[in-house]
Amino acid sequence: MPLTNILLIVLTVAAVVAVVFLVRLSIQLQRTAEEAEKTLVEVRVLAGRLSELDLEVKARVEELGDTFRVSRKAAGGFSDAAMLVSSKLLPPQTKYLPFVVPVARFVLRQMKKKKEKLHVQ
């Protein structure tokens, strides 16, 4: 067999391998492109839903802001009313009442627990 025939066979095999590789590569690229299109459609749908959700969240945040403003005004009014009641209507000795009531409540709870323990034993 002459050298040209061997060279022709080698080149033919190389060409066939290259063509098979390119065909498989093009098929894989086509599949990847199809999957990318499907994913892009899903991303667009999700982006639309996300924008709807964003609008809803913004509306709720504005609602919550209004609620906080109203609550702040109500708390301010309650504080003013409590200040008026405590300074004008109640005697000056009651200014210690906010400190005494929690301590008394704690002491009464402790006594109740001790009493329950004695009844259990």
N, C-alpha and C. Protein backbone atom coordinates (compact mmCIF):
# COMPACT_ATOMS: atom_id res chain seq x y z
N MET A 1 0.85 -1.15 0.00
CA MET A 1 0.00 0.00 0.00
C MET A 1 0.91 1.24 0.00
N PRO A 2 0.62 2.09 -0.91
CA PRO A 2 1.48 3.28 -0.98
C PRO A 2 1.16 4.27 0.14
N LEU A 3 2.06 5.14 0.34
CA LEU A 3 1.97 6.12 1.41
C LEU A 3 0.79 7.07 1.22
N THR A 4 0.46 7.39 0.03
CA THR A 4 -0.66 8.30 -0.24
C THR A 4 -1.99 7.67 0.16
N ASN A 5 -2.12 6.35 -0.06
CA ASN A 5 -3.37 5.67 0.33
C ASN A 5 -3.52 5.64 1.86
N ILE A 6 -2.42 5.39 2.57
CA ILE A 6 -2.47 5.38 4.04
C ILE A 6 -2.81 6.78 4.55
N LEU A 7 -2.17 7.78 3.92
CA LEU A 7 -2.45 9.15 4.31
C LEU A 7 -3.90 9.51 4.02
N LEU A 8 -4.45 9.05 2.91
CA LEU A 8 -5.84 9.30 2.55
C LEU A 8 -6.79 8.62 3.55
N ILE A 9 -6.46 7.40 3.99
CA ILE A 9 -7.30 6.69 4.97
C ILE A 9 -7.27 7.42 6.31
N VAL A 10 -6.08 7.86 6.73
CA VAL A 10 -5.95 8.57 8.00
C VAL A 10 -6.74 9.89 7.96
N LEU A 11 -6.62 10.60 6.85
CA LEU A 11 -7.35 11.87 6.72
C LEU A 11 -8.86 11.63 6.67
N THR A 12 -9.29 10.55 6.04
CA THR A 12 -10.71 10.23 5.96
C THR A 12 -11.24 9.89 7.36
N VAL A 13 -10.51 9.09 8.11
CA VAL A 13 -10.92 8.74 9.46
C VAL A 13 -10.97 10.00 10.34
N ALA A 14 -9.97 10.86 10.21
CA ALA A 14 -9.94 12.10 10.98
C ALA A 14 -11.12 12.99 10.60
N ALA A 15 -11.44 13.06 9.33
CA ALA A 15 -12.57 13.87 8.88
C ALA A 15 -13.88 13.31 9.42
N VAL A 16 -14.03 11.98 9.40
CA VAL A 16 -15.25 11.35 9.91
C VAL A 16 -15.38 11.60 11.41
N VAL A 17 -14.30 11.46 12.14
CA VAL A 17 -14.32 11.72 13.58
C VAL A 17 -14.68 13.18 13.85
N ALA A 18 -14.09 14.09 13.09
CA ALA A 18 -14.38 15.51 13.27
C ALA A 18 -15.84 15.81 12.96
N VAL A 19 -16.38 15.23 11.90
CA VAL A 19 -17.77 15.47 11.54
C VAL A 19 -18.71 14.89 12.61
N VAL A 20 -18.41 13.68 13.10
CA VAL A 20 -19.23 13.08 14.15
C VAL A 20 -19.19 13.96 15.40
N PHE A 21 -18.01 14.44 15.75
CA PHE A 21 -17.88 15.32 16.91
C PHE A 21 -18.70 16.59 16.73
N LEU A 22 -18.61 17.21 15.56
CA LEU A 22 -19.36 18.44 15.30
C LEU A 22 -20.87 18.20 15.30
N VAL A 23 -21.30 17.06 14.76
CA VAL A 23 -22.73 16.75 14.75
C VAL A 23 -23.23 16.56 16.19
N ARG A 24 -22.49 15.81 16.99
CA ARG A 24 -22.89 15.60 18.38
C ARG A 24 -22.88 16.92 19.16
N LEU A 25 -21.88 17.76 18.87
CA LEU A 25 -21.80 19.06 19.52
C LEU A 25 -22.99 19.93 19.14
N SER A 26 -23.35 19.93 17.86
CA SER A 26 -24.49 20.75 17.42
C SER A 26 -25.80 20.23 18.03
N ILE A 27 -25.96 18.91 18.15
CA ILE A 27 -27.16 18.34 18.77
C ILE A 27 -27.23 18.74 20.25
N GLN A 28 -26.10 18.67 20.94
CA GLN A 28 -26.06 19.05 22.35
C GLN A 28 -26.35 20.55 22.51
N LEU A 29 -25.81 21.36 21.62
CA LEU A 29 -26.08 22.80 21.69
C LEU A 29 -27.56 23.10 21.43
N GLN A 30 -28.17 22.34 20.51
CA GLN A 30 -29.58 22.53 20.23
C GLN A 30 -30.43 22.17 21.45
N ARG A 31 -30.11 21.07 22.11
CA ARG A 31 -30.83 20.68 23.33
C ARG A 31 -30.65 21.73 24.43
N THR A 32 -29.43 22.21 24.57
CA THR A 32 -29.16 23.22 25.58
C THR A 32 -29.93 24.51 25.28
N ALA A 33 -30.01 24.88 24.02
CA ALA A 33 -30.77 26.08 23.65
C ALA A 33 -32.25 25.91 23.95
N GLU A 34 -32.80 24.73 23.69
CA GLU A 34 -34.21 24.47 24.00
C GLU A 34 -34.47 24.57 25.50
N GLU A 35 -33.58 23.97 26.29
CA GLU A 35 -33.71 24.04 27.74
C GLU A 35 -33.58 25.49 28.23
N ALA A 36 -32.67 26.24 27.61
CA ALA A 36 -32.49 27.64 28.00
C ALA A 36 -33.75 28.44 27.70
N GLU A 37 -34.40 28.17 26.57
CA GLU A 37 -35.65 28.87 26.24
C GLU A 37 -36.73 28.54 27.26
N LYS A 38 -36.85 27.26 27.64
CA LYS A 38 -37.84 26.88 28.64
C LYS A 38 -37.56 27.57 29.97
N THR A 39 -36.30 27.59 30.35
CA THR A 39 -35.92 28.23 31.61
C THR A 39 -36.19 29.73 31.55
N LEU A 40 -35.93 30.34 30.40
CA LEU A 40 -36.18 31.77 30.25
C LEU A 40 -37.66 32.09 30.39
N VAL A 41 -38.51 31.24 29.84
CA VAL A 41 -39.96 31.44 29.99
C VAL A 41 -40.36 31.33 31.47
N GLU A 42 -39.81 30.34 32.16
CA GLU A 42 -40.10 30.18 33.59
C GLU A 42 -39.62 31.39 34.39
N VAL A 43 -38.44 31.89 34.04
CA VAL A 43 -37.89 33.05 34.74
C VAL A 43 -38.78 34.27 34.51
N ARG A 44 -39.29 34.44 33.29
CA ARG A 44 -40.19 35.57 33.03
C ARG A 44 -41.46 35.46 33.85
N VAL A 45 -42.02 34.25 33.94
CA VAL A 45 -43.22 34.05 34.75
C VAL A 45 -42.92 34.36 36.21
N LEU A 46 -41.81 33.85 36.72
CA LEU A 46 -41.45 34.10 38.11
C LEU A 46 -41.16 35.58 38.36
N ALA A 47 -40.56 36.25 37.40
CA ALA A 47 -40.30 37.68 37.55
C ALA A 47 -41.61 38.45 37.61
N GLY A 48 -42.58 38.05 36.81
CA GLY A 48 -43.90 38.69 36.87
C GLY A 48 -44.55 38.49 38.22
N ARG A 49 -44.49 37.28 38.73
CA ARG A 49 -45.04 37.01 40.06
C ARG A 49 -44.31 37.80 41.14
N LEU A 50 -42.99 37.91 40.98
CA LEU A 50 -42.20 38.66 41.96
C LEU A 50 -42.57 40.13 41.95
N SER A 51 -42.81 40.69 40.78
CA SER A 51 -43.21 42.10 40.74
C SER A 51 -44.58 42.28 41.38
N GLU A 52 -45.52 41.34 41.17
CA GLU A 52 -46.83 41.41 41.82
C GLU A 52 -46.67 41.33 43.33
N LEU A 53 -45.82 40.42 43.78
CA LEU A 53 -45.57 40.27 45.21
C LEU A 53 -44.93 41.53 45.78
N ASP A 54 -44.03 42.13 45.03
CA ASP A 54 -43.37 43.36 45.47
C ASP A 54 -44.40 44.47 45.66
N LEU A 55 -45.33 44.60 44.74
CA LEU A 55 -46.38 45.61 44.87
C LEU A 55 -47.25 45.36 46.09
N GLU A 56 -47.58 44.10 46.32
CA GLU A 56 -48.40 43.76 47.48
C GLU A 56 -47.67 44.05 48.78
N VAL A 57 -46.38 43.73 48.82
CA VAL A 57 -45.58 44.00 50.03
C VAL A 57 -45.49 45.50 50.27
N LYS A 58 -45.30 46.27 49.21
CA LYS A 58 -45.23 47.72 49.38
C LYS A 58 -46.55 48.27 49.91
N ALA A 59 -47.66 47.75 49.41
CA ALA A 59 -48.97 48.19 49.90
C ALA A 59 -49.13 47.86 51.38
N ARG A 60 -48.72 46.65 51.76
CA ARG A 60 -48.84 46.25 53.16
C ARG A 60 -47.93 47.09 54.06
N VAL A 61 -46.74 47.43 53.57
CA VAL A 61 -45.82 48.25 54.36
C VAL A 61 -46.40 49.64 54.56
N GLU A 62 -47.02 50.20 53.51
CA GLU A 62 -47.67 51.50 53.67
C GLU A 62 -48.80 51.42 54.69
N GLU A 63 -49.57 50.34 54.62
CA GLU A 63 -50.64 50.12 55.58
C GLU A 63 -50.08 50.06 57.01
N LEU A 64 -49.00 49.32 57.15
CA LEU A 64 -48.37 49.18 58.46
C LEU A 64 -47.84 50.52 58.96
N GLY A 65 -47.30 51.32 58.05
CA GLY A 65 -46.83 52.65 58.43
C GLY A 65 -47.96 53.51 58.95
N ASP A 66 -49.11 53.44 58.26
CA ASP A 66 -50.28 54.18 58.75
C ASP A 66 -50.71 53.69 60.12
N THR A 67 -50.69 52.38 60.31
CA THR A 67 -51.06 51.81 61.60
C THR A 67 -50.11 52.29 62.69
N PHE A 68 -48.81 52.34 62.39
CA PHE A 68 -47.84 52.82 63.38
C PHE A 68 -48.09 54.30 63.71
N ARG A 69 -48.40 55.10 62.71
CA ARG A 69 -48.66 56.51 62.96
C ARG A 69 -49.87 56.68 63.89
N VAL A 70 -50.93 55.94 63.60
CA VAL A 70 -52.13 56.01 64.43
C VAL A 70 -51.83 55.51 65.84
N SER A 71 -51.07 54.43 65.94
CA SER A 71 -50.71 53.89 67.26
C SER A 71 -49.87 54.89 68.05
N ARG A 72 -48.97 55.56 67.37
CA ARG A 72 -48.13 56.56 68.03
C ARG A 72 -48.99 57.70 68.57
N LYS A 73 -49.95 58.15 67.75
CA LYS A 73 -50.84 59.22 68.21
C LYS A 73 -51.68 58.75 69.40
N ALA A 74 -52.18 57.50 69.32
CA ALA A 74 -52.99 56.97 70.42
C ALA A 74 -52.15 56.85 71.69
N ALA A 75 -50.92 56.38 71.56
CA ALA A 75 -50.06 56.25 72.73
C ALA A 75 -49.74 57.62 73.32
N GLY A 76 -49.52 58.59 72.45
CA GLY A 76 -49.28 59.96 72.95
C GLY A 76 -50.49 60.50 73.68
N GLY A 77 -51.67 60.28 73.13
CA GLY A 77 -52.90 60.73 73.80
C GLY A 77 -53.10 60.02 75.13
N PHE A 78 -52.84 58.72 75.14
CA PHE A 78 -52.96 57.96 76.40
C PHE A 78 -51.96 58.45 77.43
N SER A 79 -50.75 58.74 76.98
CA SER A 79 -49.72 59.24 77.90
C SER A 79 -50.13 60.59 78.47
N ASP A 80 -50.66 61.46 77.61
CA ASP A 80 -51.12 62.77 78.10
C ASP A 80 -52.25 62.61 79.11
N ALA A 81 -53.19 61.71 78.79
CA ALA A 81 -54.31 61.48 79.71
C ALA A 81 -53.82 60.91 81.03
N ALA A 82 -52.89 59.96 80.98
CA ALA A 82 -52.35 59.37 82.20
C ALA A 82 -51.60 60.41 83.02
N MET A 83 -50.87 61.27 82.34
CA MET A 83 -50.15 62.33 83.04
C MET A 83 -51.12 63.28 83.71
N LEU A 84 -52.19 63.62 83.01
CA LEU A 84 -53.19 64.52 83.59
C LEU A 84 -53.85 63.88 84.81
N VAL A 85 -54.22 62.62 84.68
CA VAL A 85 -54.87 61.93 85.79
C VAL A 85 -53.92 61.81 86.97
N SER A 86 -52.68 61.43 86.70
CA SER A 86 -51.75 61.22 87.81
C SER A 86 -51.31 62.52 88.46
N SER A 87 -51.23 63.60 87.70
CA SER A 87 -50.75 64.85 88.30
C SER A 87 -51.87 65.68 88.91
N LYS A 88 -53.07 65.62 88.35
CA LYS A 88 -54.14 66.50 88.83
C LYS A 88 -55.13 65.81 89.75
N LEU A 89 -55.47 64.57 89.44
CA LEU A 89 -56.55 63.93 90.19
C LEU A 89 -56.08 63.07 91.36
N LEU A 90 -54.91 62.48 91.24
CA LEU A 90 -54.42 61.58 92.30
C LEU A 90 -53.49 62.34 93.24
N PRO A 91 -53.45 61.95 94.49
CA PRO A 91 -52.56 62.63 95.44
C PRO A 91 -51.09 62.37 95.10
N PRO A 92 -50.20 63.21 95.55
CA PRO A 92 -48.77 63.08 95.21
C PRO A 92 -48.13 61.78 95.70
N GLN A 93 -48.69 61.14 96.71
CA GLN A 93 -48.10 59.90 97.22
C GLN A 93 -48.22 58.77 96.21
N THR A 94 -49.13 58.86 95.29
CA THR A 94 -49.33 57.77 94.32
C THR A 94 -48.27 57.76 93.23
N LYS A 95 -47.34 58.68 93.24
CA LYS A 95 -46.29 58.66 92.21
C LYS A 95 -45.37 57.45 92.38
N TYR A 96 -45.36 56.85 93.57
CA TYR A 96 -44.55 55.65 93.80
C TYR A 96 -45.31 54.38 93.44
N LEU A 97 -46.55 54.50 93.09
CA LEU A 97 -47.40 53.35 92.81
C LEU A 97 -46.87 52.47 91.67
N PRO A 98 -46.33 53.02 90.59
CA PRO A 98 -45.79 52.15 89.54
C PRO A 98 -44.63 51.27 89.99
N PHE A 99 -43.95 51.68 91.06
CA PHE A 99 -42.86 50.86 91.57
C PHE A 99 -43.35 49.85 92.60
N VAL A 100 -44.35 50.23 93.36
CA VAL A 100 -44.85 49.38 94.44
C VAL A 100 -45.69 48.22 93.90
N VAL A 101 -46.51 48.46 92.88
CA VAL A 101 -47.42 47.43 92.37
C VAL A 101 -46.67 46.21 91.83
N PRO A 102 -45.64 46.35 91.00
CA PRO A 102 -44.94 45.14 90.55
C PRO A 102 -44.25 44.37 91.67
N VAL A 103 -43.70 45.09 92.63
CA VAL A 103 -43.05 44.42 93.75
C VAL A 103 -44.09 43.66 94.57
N ALA A 104 -45.23 44.28 94.82
CA ALA A 104 -46.29 43.62 95.58
C ALA A 104 -46.80 42.40 94.82
N ARG A 105 -46.95 42.51 93.52
CA ARG A 105 -47.41 41.38 92.71
C ARG A 105 -46.41 40.22 92.81
N PHE A 106 -45.11 40.53 92.74
CA PHE A 106 -44.08 39.50 92.85
C PHE A 106 -44.14 38.81 94.21
N VAL A 107 -44.28 39.61 95.24
CA VAL A 107 -44.32 39.04 96.60
C VAL A 107 -45.55 38.15 96.75
N LEU A 108 -46.70 38.58 96.26
CA LEU A 108 -47.91 37.77 96.36
C LEU A 108 -47.77 36.45 95.58
N ARG A 109 -47.15 36.49 94.43
CA ARG A 109 -46.93 35.24 93.67
C ARG A 109 -46.03 34.28 94.44
N GLN A 110 -44.98 34.81 95.03
CA GLN A 110 -44.08 33.95 95.80
C GLN A 110 -44.80 33.33 97.00
N MET A 111 -45.63 34.10 97.64
CA MET A 111 -46.38 33.57 98.78
C MET A 111 -47.36 32.50 98.31
N LYS A 112 -47.98 32.71 97.15
CA LYS A 112 -48.92 31.74 96.61
C LYS A 112 -48.20 30.43 96.26
N LYS A 113 -47.00 30.54 95.69
CA LYS A 113 -46.23 29.34 95.36
C LYS A 113 -45.85 28.56 96.62
N LYS A 114 -45.44 29.27 97.65
CA LYS A 114 -45.09 28.60 98.90
C LYS A 114 -46.31 27.92 99.50
N LYS A 115 -47.43 28.57 99.42
CA LYS A 115 -48.66 28.00 99.95
C LYS A 115 -49.05 26.74 99.18
N GLU A 116 -48.91 26.76 97.85
CA GLU A 116 -49.21 25.58 97.03
C GLU A 116 -48.25 24.44 97.35
N LYS A 117 -46.99 24.73 97.60
CA LYS A 117 -46.03 23.70 97.95
C LYS A 117 -46.38 23.05 99.29
N LEU A 118 -46.84 23.86 100.22
CA LEU A 118 -47.23 23.32 101.53
C LEU A 118 -48.46 22.40 101.40
N HIS A 119 -49.38 22.74 100.52
CA HIS A 119 -50.57 21.92 100.31
C HIS A 119 -50.22 20.61 99.60
N VAL A 120 -49.24 20.64 98.75
CA VAL A 120 -48.83 19.43 98.03
C VAL A 120 -48.15 18.46 98.98
N GLN A 121 -47.35 18.96 99.88
CA GLN A 121 -46.62 18.08 100.80
C GLN A 121 -47.52 17.68 101.90
